[in-house]
Amino acid sequence: MRASRNDRARLEKRLAAWKALPAAAPPRGWLRAVRDGLGMSQADLAARLVVTRQRIAQLEQGEVDGSIQLSTLRRAAAAMDCVLVYALVPNTTLEDAVHRQALTVAASDVDRARQTMPLEAQLGGEGDHQRLTESIAEQLLDSRRLWRQ
């Protein structure tokens, strides 16, 4: 499914609040931080989840090393009266990412054409090459071909 510029703009608005948040989790993970903040021991959380204290230690380590499953993290959060919040937050705007990809694909197309056809003389200088690349990129912005490389 292709997203339109309007779709990207709507999603960008929803992501705005997330971009303002710090990306880094606490050094020992959110499970441990919230559990400690609540004054809850590993044994207390284990009893709520009906698992062993050792399993809680494994879950906390799994969060830190990135091996915990989201469903498990969601259950642990619920046991501490929390909700798991999960999001993918782009490093740039979605529009910038799409435009950058379109330019990459367009530049590749132009370079490929330059190698297989005598376009060098037709393109003129670097300015013509750049204008052609930007023109192709504009056509690719809403194309299904954009991410197929």
N, C-alpha and C. Protein backbone atom coordinates (compact mmCIF):
# COMPACT_ATOMS: atom_id res chain seq x y z
N MET A 1 0.84 -1.18 0.00
CA MET A 1 0.00 0.00 0.00
C MET A 1 0.89 1.24 0.00
N ARG A 2 0.57 2.15 -0.86
CA ARG A 2 1.34 3.40 -0.94
C ARG A 2 0.71 4.44 -0.03
N ALA A 3 1.56 5.16 0.64
CA ALA A 3 1.08 6.27 1.48
C ALA A 3 1.20 7.57 0.68
N SER A 4 0.18 8.36 0.75
CA SER A 4 0.20 9.65 0.07
C SER A 4 0.90 10.67 0.95
N ARG A 5 1.15 11.83 0.39
CA ARG A 5 1.75 12.90 1.18
C ARG A 5 0.85 13.28 2.34
N ASN A 6 -0.47 13.25 2.12
CA ASN A 6 -1.41 13.55 3.21
C ASN A 6 -1.34 12.49 4.31
N ASP A 7 -1.21 11.21 3.90
CA ASP A 7 -1.08 10.14 4.89
C ASP A 7 0.19 10.34 5.73
N ARG A 8 1.28 10.68 5.05
CA ARG A 8 2.54 10.92 5.76
C ARG A 8 2.42 12.10 6.70
N ALA A 9 1.74 13.15 6.27
CA ALA A 9 1.58 14.35 7.11
C ALA A 9 0.76 14.01 8.36
N ARG A 10 -0.30 13.22 8.19
CA ARG A 10 -1.11 12.84 9.36
C ARG A 10 -0.30 11.99 10.34
N LEU A 11 0.45 11.03 9.82
CA LEU A 11 1.28 10.20 10.69
C LEU A 11 2.36 11.02 11.37
N GLU A 12 2.93 11.96 10.63
CA GLU A 12 3.97 12.84 11.18
C GLU A 12 3.43 13.61 12.38
N LYS A 13 2.18 14.07 12.31
CA LYS A 13 1.58 14.77 13.44
C LYS A 13 1.45 13.86 14.65
N ARG A 14 1.09 12.60 14.41
CA ARG A 14 0.98 11.65 15.52
C ARG A 14 2.35 11.34 16.13
N LEU A 15 3.38 11.36 15.32
CA LEU A 15 4.73 11.04 15.79
C LEU A 15 5.41 12.21 16.49
N ALA A 16 4.90 13.41 16.33
CA ALA A 16 5.56 14.60 16.85
C ALA A 16 5.84 14.50 18.35
N ALA A 17 4.88 14.03 19.11
CA ALA A 17 5.09 13.92 20.57
C ALA A 17 6.18 12.90 20.90
N TRP A 18 6.26 11.85 20.12
CA TRP A 18 7.28 10.83 20.37
C TRP A 18 8.68 11.36 20.10
N LYS A 19 8.81 12.20 19.10
CA LYS A 19 10.13 12.74 18.76
C LYS A 19 10.70 13.60 19.87
N ALA A 20 9.84 14.16 20.70
CA ALA A 20 10.29 15.01 21.79
C ALA A 20 10.79 14.21 22.99
N LEU A 21 10.49 12.92 23.02
CA LEU A 21 10.89 12.08 24.16
C LEU A 21 12.33 11.60 24.00
N PRO A 22 13.01 11.37 25.12
CA PRO A 22 14.36 10.80 25.02
C PRO A 22 14.28 9.36 24.51
N ALA A 23 15.19 9.01 23.63
CA ALA A 23 15.15 7.68 23.02
C ALA A 23 15.74 6.60 23.92
N ALA A 24 16.62 6.97 24.82
CA ALA A 24 17.33 5.98 25.61
C ALA A 24 16.50 5.50 26.80
N ALA A 25 16.51 4.18 26.99
CA ALA A 25 15.90 3.57 28.16
C ALA A 25 16.87 3.71 29.33
N PRO A 26 16.38 3.58 30.54
CA PRO A 26 17.31 3.58 31.69
C PRO A 26 18.35 2.46 31.52
N PRO A 27 19.53 2.64 32.06
CA PRO A 27 20.61 1.66 31.85
C PRO A 27 20.22 0.22 32.21
N ARG A 28 19.40 0.06 33.25
CA ARG A 28 19.01 -1.30 33.66
C ARG A 28 17.61 -1.65 33.17
N GLY A 29 17.05 -0.84 32.25
CA GLY A 29 15.77 -1.15 31.63
C GLY A 29 14.59 -0.53 32.35
N TRP A 30 13.48 -0.44 31.61
CA TRP A 30 12.26 0.13 32.16
C TRP A 30 11.61 -0.78 33.19
N LEU A 31 11.65 -2.09 32.98
CA LEU A 31 11.07 -3.01 33.96
C LEU A 31 11.68 -2.77 35.34
N ARG A 32 12.98 -2.76 35.38
CA ARG A 32 13.69 -2.57 36.65
C ARG A 32 13.41 -1.18 37.22
N ALA A 33 13.46 -0.16 36.38
CA ALA A 33 13.26 1.22 36.84
C ALA A 33 11.87 1.39 37.45
N VAL A 34 10.85 0.90 36.76
CA VAL A 34 9.48 1.06 37.27
C VAL A 34 9.28 0.19 38.50
N ARG A 35 9.77 -1.05 38.45
CA ARG A 35 9.65 -1.94 39.61
C ARG A 35 10.29 -1.30 40.83
N ASP A 36 11.50 -0.79 40.68
CA ASP A 36 12.19 -0.12 41.79
C ASP A 36 11.42 1.13 42.22
N GLY A 37 10.91 1.89 41.25
CA GLY A 37 10.15 3.09 41.57
C GLY A 37 8.90 2.80 42.38
N LEU A 38 8.33 1.65 42.13
CA LEU A 38 7.15 1.23 42.89
C LEU A 38 7.50 0.62 44.24
N GLY A 39 8.79 0.37 44.46
CA GLY A 39 9.20 -0.31 45.68
C GLY A 39 8.83 -1.78 45.67
N MET A 40 8.77 -2.36 44.49
CA MET A 40 8.37 -3.75 44.31
C MET A 40 9.62 -4.61 44.13
N SER A 41 9.70 -5.70 44.85
CA SER A 41 10.85 -6.61 44.70
C SER A 41 10.62 -7.53 43.51
N GLN A 42 11.67 -8.21 43.11
CA GLN A 42 11.52 -9.20 42.05
C GLN A 42 10.55 -10.29 42.48
N ALA A 43 10.60 -10.66 43.75
CA ALA A 43 9.69 -11.69 44.27
C ALA A 43 8.24 -11.21 44.20
N ASP A 44 8.01 -9.93 44.49
CA ASP A 44 6.65 -9.38 44.41
C ASP A 44 6.12 -9.43 42.98
N LEU A 45 6.95 -9.01 42.04
CA LEU A 45 6.52 -9.03 40.64
C LEU A 45 6.34 -10.47 40.17
N ALA A 46 7.22 -11.35 40.61
CA ALA A 46 7.11 -12.77 40.24
C ALA A 46 5.77 -13.35 40.71
N ALA A 47 5.37 -13.00 41.92
CA ALA A 47 4.09 -13.50 42.44
C ALA A 47 2.93 -13.00 41.60
N ARG A 48 3.00 -11.75 41.15
CA ARG A 48 1.93 -11.19 40.33
C ARG A 48 1.86 -11.85 38.96
N LEU A 49 3.00 -12.26 38.45
CA LEU A 49 3.05 -12.91 37.12
C LEU A 49 2.99 -14.43 37.21
N VAL A 50 3.01 -14.96 38.42
CA VAL A 50 3.02 -16.41 38.68
C VAL A 50 4.22 -17.06 37.97
N VAL A 51 5.39 -16.49 38.25
CA VAL A 51 6.67 -17.02 37.77
C VAL A 51 7.65 -16.96 38.93
N THR A 52 8.84 -17.43 38.71
CA THR A 52 9.86 -17.39 39.77
C THR A 52 10.57 -16.04 39.78
N ARG A 53 11.24 -15.74 40.89
CA ARG A 53 12.05 -14.53 40.99
C ARG A 53 13.16 -14.57 39.96
N GLN A 54 13.72 -15.75 39.71
CA GLN A 54 14.77 -15.90 38.71
C GLN A 54 14.25 -15.53 37.32
N ARG A 55 12.99 -15.85 37.05
CA ARG A 55 12.41 -15.51 35.75
C ARG A 55 12.30 -13.99 35.59
N ILE A 56 12.00 -13.28 36.68
CA ILE A 56 11.94 -11.82 36.63
C ILE A 56 13.32 -11.26 36.30
N ALA A 57 14.35 -11.83 36.94
CA ALA A 57 15.72 -11.41 36.65
C ALA A 57 16.04 -11.64 35.16
N GLN A 58 15.58 -12.77 34.62
CA GLN A 58 15.79 -13.06 33.20
C GLN A 58 15.04 -12.05 32.31
N LEU A 59 13.81 -11.71 32.70
CA LEU A 59 13.04 -10.74 31.93
C LEU A 59 13.71 -9.39 31.93
N GLU A 60 14.17 -8.96 33.09
CA GLU A 60 14.85 -7.66 33.17
C GLU A 60 16.12 -7.65 32.33
N GLN A 61 16.87 -8.74 32.36
CA GLN A 61 18.08 -8.82 31.53
C GLN A 61 17.70 -8.89 30.05
N GLY A 62 16.62 -9.60 29.74
CA GLY A 62 16.14 -9.69 28.36
C GLY A 62 15.74 -8.34 27.80
N GLU A 63 15.18 -7.50 28.65
CA GLU A 63 14.84 -6.15 28.17
C GLU A 63 16.11 -5.38 27.85
N VAL A 64 17.09 -5.46 28.73
CA VAL A 64 18.34 -4.72 28.54
C VAL A 64 19.07 -5.18 27.27
N ASP A 65 19.11 -6.50 27.04
CA ASP A 65 19.85 -6.99 25.87
C ASP A 65 18.99 -7.09 24.61
N GLY A 66 17.71 -6.74 24.72
CA GLY A 66 16.85 -6.68 23.55
C GLY A 66 16.23 -7.99 23.12
N SER A 67 16.27 -9.01 23.97
CA SER A 67 15.73 -10.31 23.58
C SER A 67 14.33 -10.59 24.12
N ILE A 68 13.78 -9.70 24.93
CA ILE A 68 12.45 -9.91 25.49
C ILE A 68 11.38 -9.77 24.41
N GLN A 69 10.34 -10.56 24.48
CA GLN A 69 9.24 -10.45 23.54
C GLN A 69 8.29 -9.35 23.99
N LEU A 70 7.69 -8.66 23.03
CA LEU A 70 6.76 -7.59 23.37
C LEU A 70 5.58 -8.11 24.20
N SER A 71 5.09 -9.29 23.89
CA SER A 71 3.97 -9.84 24.65
C SER A 71 4.35 -10.06 26.11
N THR A 72 5.57 -10.48 26.36
CA THR A 72 6.05 -10.69 27.73
C THR A 72 6.20 -9.35 28.43
N LEU A 73 6.76 -8.39 27.74
CA LEU A 73 6.93 -7.05 28.31
C LEU A 73 5.57 -6.44 28.63
N ARG A 74 4.59 -6.68 27.75
CA ARG A 74 3.23 -6.17 27.98
C ARG A 74 2.62 -6.79 29.24
N ARG A 75 2.81 -8.10 29.44
CA ARG A 75 2.29 -8.78 30.64
C ARG A 75 2.96 -8.24 31.90
N ALA A 76 4.28 -8.05 31.85
CA ALA A 76 5.00 -7.53 33.01
C ALA A 76 4.54 -6.11 33.33
N ALA A 77 4.35 -5.31 32.30
CA ALA A 77 3.86 -3.93 32.49
C ALA A 77 2.50 -3.95 33.16
N ALA A 78 1.60 -4.79 32.69
CA ALA A 78 0.25 -4.89 33.26
C ALA A 78 0.31 -5.32 34.73
N ALA A 79 1.24 -6.19 35.05
CA ALA A 79 1.39 -6.65 36.44
C ALA A 79 1.83 -5.52 37.37
N MET A 80 2.42 -4.46 36.80
CA MET A 80 2.82 -3.29 37.58
C MET A 80 1.87 -2.12 37.36
N ASP A 81 0.69 -2.42 36.82
CA ASP A 81 -0.32 -1.42 36.52
C ASP A 81 0.21 -0.35 35.57
N CYS A 82 0.90 -0.82 34.55
CA CYS A 82 1.45 0.05 33.51
C CYS A 82 0.94 -0.43 32.16
N VAL A 83 1.07 0.40 31.19
CA VAL A 83 0.75 0.04 29.82
C VAL A 83 2.05 0.10 29.02
N LEU A 84 2.25 -0.87 28.16
CA LEU A 84 3.41 -0.86 27.28
C LEU A 84 3.13 0.08 26.13
N VAL A 85 4.00 1.02 25.90
CA VAL A 85 3.88 1.97 24.79
C VAL A 85 5.01 1.66 23.82
N TYR A 86 4.64 1.43 22.58
CA TYR A 86 5.60 0.99 21.58
C TYR A 86 5.46 1.87 20.35
N ALA A 87 6.55 2.35 19.81
CA ALA A 87 6.48 3.18 18.61
C ALA A 87 7.78 3.08 17.82
N LEU A 88 7.67 3.27 16.54
CA LEU A 88 8.82 3.45 15.66
C LEU A 88 8.87 4.93 15.33
N VAL A 89 9.95 5.58 15.69
CA VAL A 89 10.06 7.02 15.49
C VAL A 89 11.17 7.29 14.48
N PRO A 90 10.79 7.78 13.30
CA PRO A 90 11.79 8.05 12.26
C PRO A 90 12.82 9.10 12.73
N ASN A 91 14.05 8.95 12.25
CA ASN A 91 15.12 9.90 12.58
C ASN A 91 14.91 11.25 11.91
N THR A 92 14.22 11.25 10.77
CA THR A 92 13.90 12.49 10.06
C THR A 92 12.38 12.50 9.87
N THR A 93 11.90 13.43 9.08
CA THR A 93 10.47 13.39 8.77
C THR A 93 10.24 12.29 7.74
N LEU A 94 9.04 11.78 7.68
CA LEU A 94 8.70 10.77 6.69
C LEU A 94 8.87 11.33 5.28
N GLU A 95 8.47 12.57 5.10
CA GLU A 95 8.58 13.21 3.79
C GLU A 95 10.05 13.30 3.36
N ASP A 96 10.94 13.65 4.29
CA ASP A 96 12.37 13.72 3.96
C ASP A 96 12.91 12.34 3.60
N ALA A 97 12.49 11.31 4.34
CA ALA A 97 12.96 9.96 4.06
C ALA A 97 12.50 9.49 2.68
N VAL A 98 11.25 9.78 2.34
CA VAL A 98 10.71 9.40 1.03
C VAL A 98 11.44 10.17 -0.07
N HIS A 99 11.64 11.45 0.14
CA HIS A 99 12.33 12.27 -0.87
C HIS A 99 13.77 11.81 -1.06
N ARG A 100 14.46 11.51 0.03
CA ARG A 100 15.85 11.03 -0.06
C ARG A 100 15.91 9.71 -0.83
N GLN A 101 14.96 8.80 -0.57
CA GLN A 101 14.92 7.53 -1.29
C GLN A 101 14.63 7.75 -2.77
N ALA A 102 13.71 8.66 -3.07
CA ALA A 102 13.39 8.95 -4.47
C ALA A 102 14.62 9.49 -5.20
N LEU A 103 15.37 10.35 -4.54
CA LEU A 103 16.60 10.88 -5.16
C LEU A 103 17.62 9.77 -5.38
N THR A 104 17.73 8.86 -4.44
CA THR A 104 18.67 7.74 -4.57
C THR A 104 18.31 6.86 -5.76
N VAL A 105 17.03 6.50 -5.87
CA VAL A 105 16.57 5.66 -6.98
C VAL A 105 16.74 6.41 -8.30
N ALA A 106 16.37 7.67 -8.33
CA ALA A 106 16.47 8.46 -9.55
C ALA A 106 17.93 8.58 -10.00
N ALA A 107 18.82 8.85 -9.06
CA ALA A 107 20.24 8.97 -9.40
C ALA A 107 20.78 7.66 -9.96
N SER A 108 20.34 6.55 -9.40
CA SER A 108 20.75 5.24 -9.90
C SER A 108 20.24 5.03 -11.32
N ASP A 109 18.98 5.42 -11.58
CA ASP A 109 18.41 5.29 -12.92
C ASP A 109 19.20 6.13 -13.92
N VAL A 110 19.49 7.37 -13.56
CA VAL A 110 20.22 8.26 -14.46
C VAL A 110 21.63 7.74 -14.70
N ASP A 111 22.29 7.28 -13.65
CA ASP A 111 23.65 6.74 -13.81
C ASP A 111 23.65 5.50 -14.70
N ARG A 112 22.65 4.64 -14.52
CA ARG A 112 22.54 3.43 -15.34
C ARG A 112 22.33 3.82 -16.81
N ALA A 113 21.48 4.80 -17.04
CA ALA A 113 21.22 5.25 -18.42
C ALA A 113 22.47 5.87 -19.03
N ARG A 114 23.22 6.58 -18.23
CA ARG A 114 24.45 7.22 -18.75
C ARG A 114 25.46 6.17 -19.17
N GLN A 115 25.45 5.02 -18.51
CA GLN A 115 26.42 3.98 -18.83
C GLN A 115 26.00 3.16 -20.05
N THR A 116 24.70 3.06 -20.29
CA THR A 116 24.24 2.20 -21.38
C THR A 116 23.87 2.96 -22.64
N MET A 117 23.77 4.27 -22.54
CA MET A 117 23.40 5.08 -23.71
C MET A 117 24.34 6.26 -23.83
N PRO A 118 24.52 6.76 -25.03
CA PRO A 118 25.39 7.92 -25.20
C PRO A 118 24.67 9.21 -24.76
N LEU A 119 24.34 9.31 -23.46
CA LEU A 119 23.64 10.47 -22.95
C LEU A 119 24.57 11.60 -22.53
N GLU A 120 25.83 11.31 -22.41
CA GLU A 120 26.75 12.30 -21.90
C GLU A 120 26.60 13.63 -22.63
N ALA A 121 26.58 13.59 -23.93
CA ALA A 121 26.48 14.82 -24.71
C ALA A 121 25.09 15.43 -24.59
N GLN A 122 24.07 14.59 -24.48
CA GLN A 122 22.70 15.09 -24.40
C GLN A 122 22.43 15.75 -23.05
N LEU A 123 23.03 15.24 -22.00
CA LEU A 123 22.76 15.77 -20.67
C LEU A 123 23.44 17.11 -20.43
N GLY A 124 24.44 17.39 -21.20
CA GLY A 124 25.15 18.65 -20.97
C GLY A 124 26.06 18.51 -19.77
N GLY A 125 25.89 19.40 -18.80
CA GLY A 125 26.77 19.38 -17.64
C GLY A 125 26.12 18.74 -16.44
N GLU A 126 26.76 18.92 -15.31
CA GLU A 126 26.28 18.36 -14.04
C GLU A 126 24.93 18.95 -13.65
N GLY A 127 24.68 20.19 -14.00
CA GLY A 127 23.39 20.82 -13.70
C GLY A 127 22.24 20.11 -14.39
N ASP A 128 22.43 19.70 -15.64
CA ASP A 128 21.41 18.95 -16.36
C ASP A 128 21.18 17.59 -15.71
N HIS A 129 22.27 16.97 -15.31
CA HIS A 129 22.19 15.66 -14.63
C HIS A 129 21.37 15.80 -13.35
N GLN A 130 21.63 16.86 -12.60
CA GLN A 130 20.92 17.10 -11.34
C GLN A 130 19.44 17.37 -11.59
N ARG A 131 19.14 18.18 -12.59
CA ARG A 131 17.73 18.48 -12.91
C ARG A 131 16.98 17.23 -13.35
N LEU A 132 17.62 16.39 -14.15
CA LEU A 132 17.00 15.15 -14.59
C LEU A 132 16.76 14.22 -13.39
N THR A 133 17.73 14.13 -12.51
CA THR A 133 17.59 13.30 -11.31
C THR A 133 16.42 13.79 -10.46
N GLU A 134 16.34 15.10 -10.24
CA GLU A 134 15.25 15.66 -9.43
C GLU A 134 13.90 15.46 -10.10
N SER A 135 13.85 15.56 -11.41
CA SER A 135 12.59 15.35 -12.14
C SER A 135 12.12 13.90 -11.99
N ILE A 136 13.03 12.97 -12.14
CA ILE A 136 12.69 11.56 -11.98
C ILE A 136 12.29 11.28 -10.53
N ALA A 137 13.01 11.86 -9.58
CA ALA A 137 12.70 11.67 -8.16
C ALA A 137 11.28 12.14 -7.86
N GLU A 138 10.88 13.25 -8.41
CA GLU A 138 9.52 13.77 -8.19
C GLU A 138 8.47 12.78 -8.68
N GLN A 139 8.74 12.14 -9.80
CA GLN A 139 7.81 11.15 -10.34
C GLN A 139 7.77 9.89 -9.48
N LEU A 140 8.86 9.59 -8.80
CA LEU A 140 8.95 8.38 -7.98
C LEU A 140 8.30 8.53 -6.61
N LEU A 141 8.05 9.75 -6.17
CA LEU A 141 7.58 9.98 -4.79
C LEU A 141 6.37 9.13 -4.42
N ASP A 142 5.44 8.95 -5.31
CA ASP A 142 4.24 8.16 -5.03
C ASP A 142 4.21 6.86 -5.83
N SER A 143 5.38 6.40 -6.20
CA SER A 143 5.49 5.20 -7.03
C SER A 143 5.67 3.95 -6.17
N ARG A 144 5.12 2.84 -6.62
CA ARG A 144 5.33 1.56 -5.94
C ARG A 144 6.79 1.13 -6.04
N ARG A 145 7.51 1.66 -6.99
CA ARG A 145 8.89 1.28 -7.24
C ARG A 145 9.87 1.94 -6.25
N LEU A 146 9.39 2.88 -5.49
CA LEU A 146 10.26 3.71 -4.64
C LEU A 146 11.19 2.90 -3.73
N TRP A 147 10.69 1.87 -3.08
CA TRP A 147 11.50 1.12 -2.10
C TRP A 147 11.98 -0.22 -2.63
N ARG A 148 11.85 -0.46 -3.92
CA ARG A 148 12.28 -1.73 -4.50
C ARG A 148 13.67 -1.62 -5.07
N GLN A 149 14.65 -1.65 -4.22
CA GLN A 149 16.04 -1.62 -4.68
C GLN A 149 16.92 -2.38 -3.76
